[in-house]
């Protein structure tokens, strides 16, 4: 079995890390598209007779929040760990 080249070794994990980070941003974009396609779901646009939690807890807003939390708490540390591991392997 032939040894793997260093470029193949470095690009493949980096692609996976970018995919993980991209999933978070894709989720945020999906929330934005959902809010644009169905603006009647956002009661922030017409807040009459609505309580605070009804205005804050909206499905498109929650989808955007989950995507952002994923990017900053899962994907970015994963990318940093991957880069650190690749740097130590070199």
N, C-alpha and C. Protein backbone atom coordinates (compact mmCIF):
# COMPACT_ATOMS: atom_id res chain seq x y z
N UNK A 1 0.84 -1.17 0.00
CA UNK A 1 0.00 0.00 0.00
C UNK A 1 0.89 1.24 0.00
N UNK A 2 0.61 2.17 -0.89
CA UNK A 2 1.44 3.36 -1.05
C UNK A 2 1.11 4.37 0.04
N UNK A 3 2.12 5.09 0.54
CA UNK A 3 1.85 6.11 1.56
C UNK A 3 1.07 7.27 0.96
N UNK A 4 0.24 7.89 1.79
CA UNK A 4 -0.55 9.03 1.33
C UNK A 4 0.34 10.26 1.23
N UNK A 5 0.05 11.10 0.26
CA UNK A 5 0.82 12.33 0.12
C UNK A 5 0.40 13.31 1.21
N UNK A 6 1.27 14.26 1.51
CA UNK A 6 0.97 15.23 2.56
C UNK A 6 -0.16 16.17 2.15
N UNK A 7 -0.29 16.47 0.86
CA UNK A 7 -1.38 17.35 0.44
C UNK A 7 -2.73 16.67 0.61
N UNK A 8 -2.79 15.37 0.31
CA UNK A 8 -4.04 14.65 0.50
C UNK A 8 -4.37 14.56 1.99
N UNK A 9 -3.35 14.37 2.80
CA UNK A 9 -3.55 14.25 4.25
C UNK A 9 -4.08 15.56 4.83
N UNK A 10 -3.65 16.68 4.32
CA UNK A 10 -4.05 17.98 4.88
C UNK A 10 -5.36 18.50 4.31
N UNK A 11 -5.64 18.25 3.05
CA UNK A 11 -6.84 18.83 2.46
C UNK A 11 -8.10 18.08 2.87
N UNK A 12 -8.02 16.80 3.04
CA UNK A 12 -9.21 16.04 3.36
C UNK A 12 -9.80 16.41 4.73
N UNK A 13 -9.03 16.41 5.82
CA UNK A 13 -9.61 16.84 7.10
C UNK A 13 -10.05 18.30 7.08
N UNK A 14 -9.34 19.16 6.38
CA UNK A 14 -9.72 20.56 6.31
C UNK A 14 -11.08 20.71 5.62
N UNK A 15 -11.31 19.90 4.61
CA UNK A 15 -12.61 19.92 3.93
C UNK A 15 -13.73 19.51 4.86
N UNK A 16 -13.47 18.51 5.72
CA UNK A 16 -14.47 18.09 6.68
C UNK A 16 -14.75 19.19 7.70
N UNK A 17 -13.71 19.87 8.13
CA UNK A 17 -13.88 20.96 9.09
C UNK A 17 -14.68 22.10 8.46
N UNK A 18 -14.39 22.42 7.22
CA UNK A 18 -15.14 23.47 6.54
C UNK A 18 -16.59 23.05 6.35
N UNK A 19 -16.82 21.77 6.12
CA UNK A 19 -18.18 21.28 5.98
C UNK A 19 -18.95 21.44 7.29
N UNK A 20 -18.29 21.13 8.41
CA UNK A 20 -18.94 21.28 9.72
C UNK A 20 -19.31 22.74 9.97
N UNK A 21 -18.40 23.65 9.67
CA UNK A 21 -18.69 25.07 9.87
C UNK A 21 -19.76 25.54 8.88
N UNK A 22 -19.70 25.02 7.68
CA UNK A 22 -20.68 25.40 6.67
C UNK A 22 -22.10 24.95 7.02
N UNK A 23 -22.22 23.83 7.72
CA UNK A 23 -23.54 23.37 8.14
C UNK A 23 -24.21 24.37 9.09
N UNK A 24 -23.42 24.95 9.96
CA UNK A 24 -23.98 25.95 10.87
C UNK A 24 -24.45 27.18 10.13
N UNK A 25 -23.62 27.68 9.22
CA UNK A 25 -24.02 28.87 8.46
C UNK A 25 -25.18 28.56 7.52
N UNK A 26 -25.24 27.33 7.01
CA UNK A 26 -26.36 26.93 6.18
C UNK A 26 -27.66 26.92 6.99
N UNK A 27 -27.58 26.51 8.23
CA UNK A 27 -28.74 26.52 9.11
C UNK A 27 -29.21 27.95 9.38
N UNK A 28 -28.27 28.86 9.60
CA UNK A 28 -28.63 30.27 9.79
C UNK A 28 -29.30 30.81 8.53
N UNK A 29 -28.74 30.48 7.37
CA UNK A 29 -29.33 30.95 6.11
C UNK A 29 -30.72 30.36 5.91
N UNK A 30 -30.92 29.11 6.31
CA UNK A 30 -32.25 28.49 6.19
C UNK A 30 -33.26 29.24 7.06
N UNK A 31 -32.85 29.66 8.25
CA UNK A 31 -33.74 30.44 9.10
C UNK A 31 -34.10 31.78 8.49
N UNK A 32 -33.13 32.42 7.86
CA UNK A 32 -33.39 33.70 7.20
C UNK A 32 -34.35 33.51 6.02
N UNK A 33 -34.11 32.47 5.23
CA UNK A 33 -35.00 32.20 4.09
C UNK A 33 -36.41 31.88 4.59
N UNK A 34 -36.50 31.11 5.65
CA UNK A 34 -37.81 30.78 6.23
C UNK A 34 -38.53 32.04 6.68
N UNK A 35 -37.81 32.96 7.30
CA UNK A 35 -38.42 34.20 7.76
C UNK A 35 -38.88 35.06 6.58
N UNK A 36 -38.16 35.01 5.48
CA UNK A 36 -38.54 35.79 4.29
C UNK A 36 -39.73 35.16 3.59
N UNK A 37 -39.71 33.83 3.48
CA UNK A 37 -40.78 33.13 2.77
C UNK A 37 -42.10 33.18 3.55
N UNK A 38 -42.02 33.06 4.87
CA UNK A 38 -43.23 33.09 5.69
C UNK A 38 -43.13 34.22 6.73
N UNK A 39 -43.25 35.47 6.30
CA UNK A 39 -43.11 36.58 7.25
C UNK A 39 -44.22 36.63 8.29
N UNK A 40 -45.36 35.99 8.04
CA UNK A 40 -46.44 35.99 9.02
C UNK A 40 -46.08 35.19 10.26
N UNK A 41 -45.06 34.33 10.20
CA UNK A 41 -44.60 33.58 11.38
C UNK A 41 -43.86 34.49 12.37
N UNK A 42 -43.32 35.59 11.90
CA UNK A 42 -42.59 36.51 12.77
C UNK A 42 -43.56 37.53 13.35
N UNK A 43 -43.97 37.31 14.57
CA UNK A 43 -44.91 38.25 15.18
C UNK A 43 -44.22 39.54 15.58
N UNK A 44 -42.91 39.60 15.43
CA UNK A 44 -42.22 40.87 15.66
C UNK A 44 -42.69 41.93 14.67
N UNK A 45 -43.18 41.48 13.52
CA UNK A 45 -43.65 42.41 12.50
C UNK A 45 -45.03 42.96 12.84
N UNK A 46 -45.81 42.25 13.63
CA UNK A 46 -47.13 42.71 14.06
C UNK A 46 -47.36 42.27 15.51
N UNK A 47 -46.77 42.99 16.46
CA UNK A 47 -46.75 42.53 17.86
C UNK A 47 -47.99 42.87 18.69
N UNK A 48 -49.13 43.07 18.08
CA UNK A 48 -50.31 43.46 18.83
C UNK A 48 -50.83 42.31 19.70
N UNK A 49 -51.03 42.59 20.97
CA UNK A 49 -51.57 41.64 21.94
C UNK A 49 -50.72 40.38 22.09
N UNK A 50 -49.41 40.53 21.94
CA UNK A 50 -48.50 39.40 22.10
C UNK A 50 -47.60 39.66 23.29
N UNK A 51 -47.33 38.61 24.07
CA UNK A 51 -46.43 38.72 25.20
C UNK A 51 -44.98 38.66 24.77
N UNK A 52 -44.09 38.91 25.72
CA UNK A 52 -42.66 38.93 25.43
C UNK A 52 -42.18 37.60 24.85
N UNK A 53 -42.53 36.49 25.50
CA UNK A 53 -42.03 35.19 25.04
C UNK A 53 -42.61 34.81 23.69
N UNK A 54 -43.81 35.23 23.42
CA UNK A 54 -44.40 34.96 22.11
C UNK A 54 -43.61 35.67 21.01
N UNK A 55 -43.09 36.84 21.34
CA UNK A 55 -42.31 37.60 20.35
C UNK A 55 -40.89 37.06 20.20
N UNK A 56 -40.31 36.55 21.28
CA UNK A 56 -38.92 36.10 21.24
C UNK A 56 -38.79 34.68 20.68
N UNK A 57 -39.69 33.80 21.06
CA UNK A 57 -39.59 32.39 20.67
C UNK A 57 -40.37 32.19 19.37
N UNK A 58 -39.71 32.45 18.29
CA UNK A 58 -40.28 32.27 16.96
C UNK A 58 -39.45 31.20 16.23
N UNK A 59 -40.08 30.27 15.53
CA UNK A 59 -39.33 29.20 14.89
C UNK A 59 -38.18 29.66 13.98
N UNK A 60 -38.37 30.62 13.08
CA UNK A 60 -37.23 31.03 12.25
C UNK A 60 -36.09 31.64 13.08
N UNK A 61 -36.45 32.38 14.12
CA UNK A 61 -35.41 32.96 14.98
C UNK A 61 -34.66 31.88 15.73
N UNK A 62 -35.38 30.85 16.18
CA UNK A 62 -34.73 29.74 16.88
C UNK A 62 -33.80 28.97 15.95
N UNK A 63 -34.20 28.78 14.71
CA UNK A 63 -33.34 28.09 13.74
C UNK A 63 -32.06 28.88 13.52
N UNK A 64 -32.17 30.19 13.38
CA UNK A 64 -30.98 31.03 13.22
C UNK A 64 -30.09 30.97 14.46
N UNK A 65 -30.69 30.98 15.63
CA UNK A 65 -29.93 30.92 16.88
C UNK A 65 -29.20 29.59 17.02
N UNK A 66 -29.87 28.50 16.70
CA UNK A 66 -29.23 27.18 16.79
C UNK A 66 -28.06 27.09 15.82
N UNK A 67 -28.22 27.61 14.61
CA UNK A 67 -27.12 27.59 13.65
C UNK A 67 -25.93 28.39 14.14
N UNK A 68 -26.18 29.56 14.71
CA UNK A 68 -25.09 30.39 15.22
C UNK A 68 -24.41 29.73 16.42
N UNK A 69 -25.19 29.14 17.30
CA UNK A 69 -24.61 28.44 18.45
C UNK A 69 -23.75 27.28 17.98
N UNK A 70 -24.20 26.55 16.97
CA UNK A 70 -23.43 25.43 16.44
C UNK A 70 -22.10 25.92 15.87
N UNK A 71 -22.14 27.01 15.13
CA UNK A 71 -20.90 27.53 14.54
C UNK A 71 -19.89 27.91 15.61
N UNK A 72 -20.34 28.64 16.63
CA UNK A 72 -19.40 29.18 17.61
C UNK A 72 -19.03 28.21 18.73
N UNK A 73 -19.87 27.22 19.02
CA UNK A 73 -19.54 26.31 20.12
C UNK A 73 -19.08 24.93 19.67
N UNK A 74 -19.40 24.54 18.44
CA UNK A 74 -19.01 23.21 17.96
C UNK A 74 -18.03 23.32 16.80
N UNK A 75 -18.42 24.02 15.75
CA UNK A 75 -17.63 24.01 14.51
C UNK A 75 -16.29 24.73 14.66
N UNK A 76 -16.29 25.93 15.21
CA UNK A 76 -15.02 26.67 15.34
C UNK A 76 -14.01 25.94 16.23
N UNK A 77 -14.41 25.44 17.41
CA UNK A 77 -13.44 24.67 18.20
C UNK A 77 -12.99 23.40 17.48
N UNK A 78 -13.87 22.79 16.71
CA UNK A 78 -13.50 21.61 15.94
C UNK A 78 -12.45 21.95 14.89
N UNK A 79 -12.64 23.06 14.19
CA UNK A 79 -11.67 23.50 13.19
C UNK A 79 -10.34 23.83 13.86
N UNK A 80 -10.37 24.53 14.99
CA UNK A 80 -9.13 24.87 15.70
C UNK A 80 -8.41 23.62 16.17
N UNK A 81 -9.14 22.65 16.67
CA UNK A 81 -8.54 21.39 17.12
C UNK A 81 -7.93 20.64 15.95
N UNK A 82 -8.61 20.63 14.83
CA UNK A 82 -8.11 19.96 13.63
C UNK A 82 -6.83 20.62 13.14
N UNK A 83 -6.78 21.95 13.13
CA UNK A 83 -5.59 22.66 12.70
C UNK A 83 -4.43 22.43 13.66
N UNK A 84 -4.74 22.38 14.96
CA UNK A 84 -3.71 22.11 15.96
C UNK A 84 -3.14 20.71 15.79
N UNK A 85 -4.01 19.74 15.54
CA UNK A 85 -3.57 18.37 15.33
C UNK A 85 -2.74 18.24 14.05
N UNK A 86 -3.17 18.94 12.99
CA UNK A 86 -2.39 18.90 11.75
C UNK A 86 -1.03 19.57 11.93
N UNK A 87 -1.00 20.65 12.73
CA UNK A 87 0.27 21.32 12.98
C UNK A 87 1.22 20.47 13.80
N UNK A 88 0.69 19.71 14.75
CA UNK A 88 1.52 18.84 15.57
C UNK A 88 2.02 17.63 14.78
N UNK A 89 1.23 17.20 13.79
CA UNK A 89 1.62 16.03 12.99
C UNK A 89 2.72 16.37 12.00
N UNK A 90 2.86 17.64 11.64
CA UNK A 90 3.85 18.03 10.63
C UNK A 90 5.25 18.04 11.19
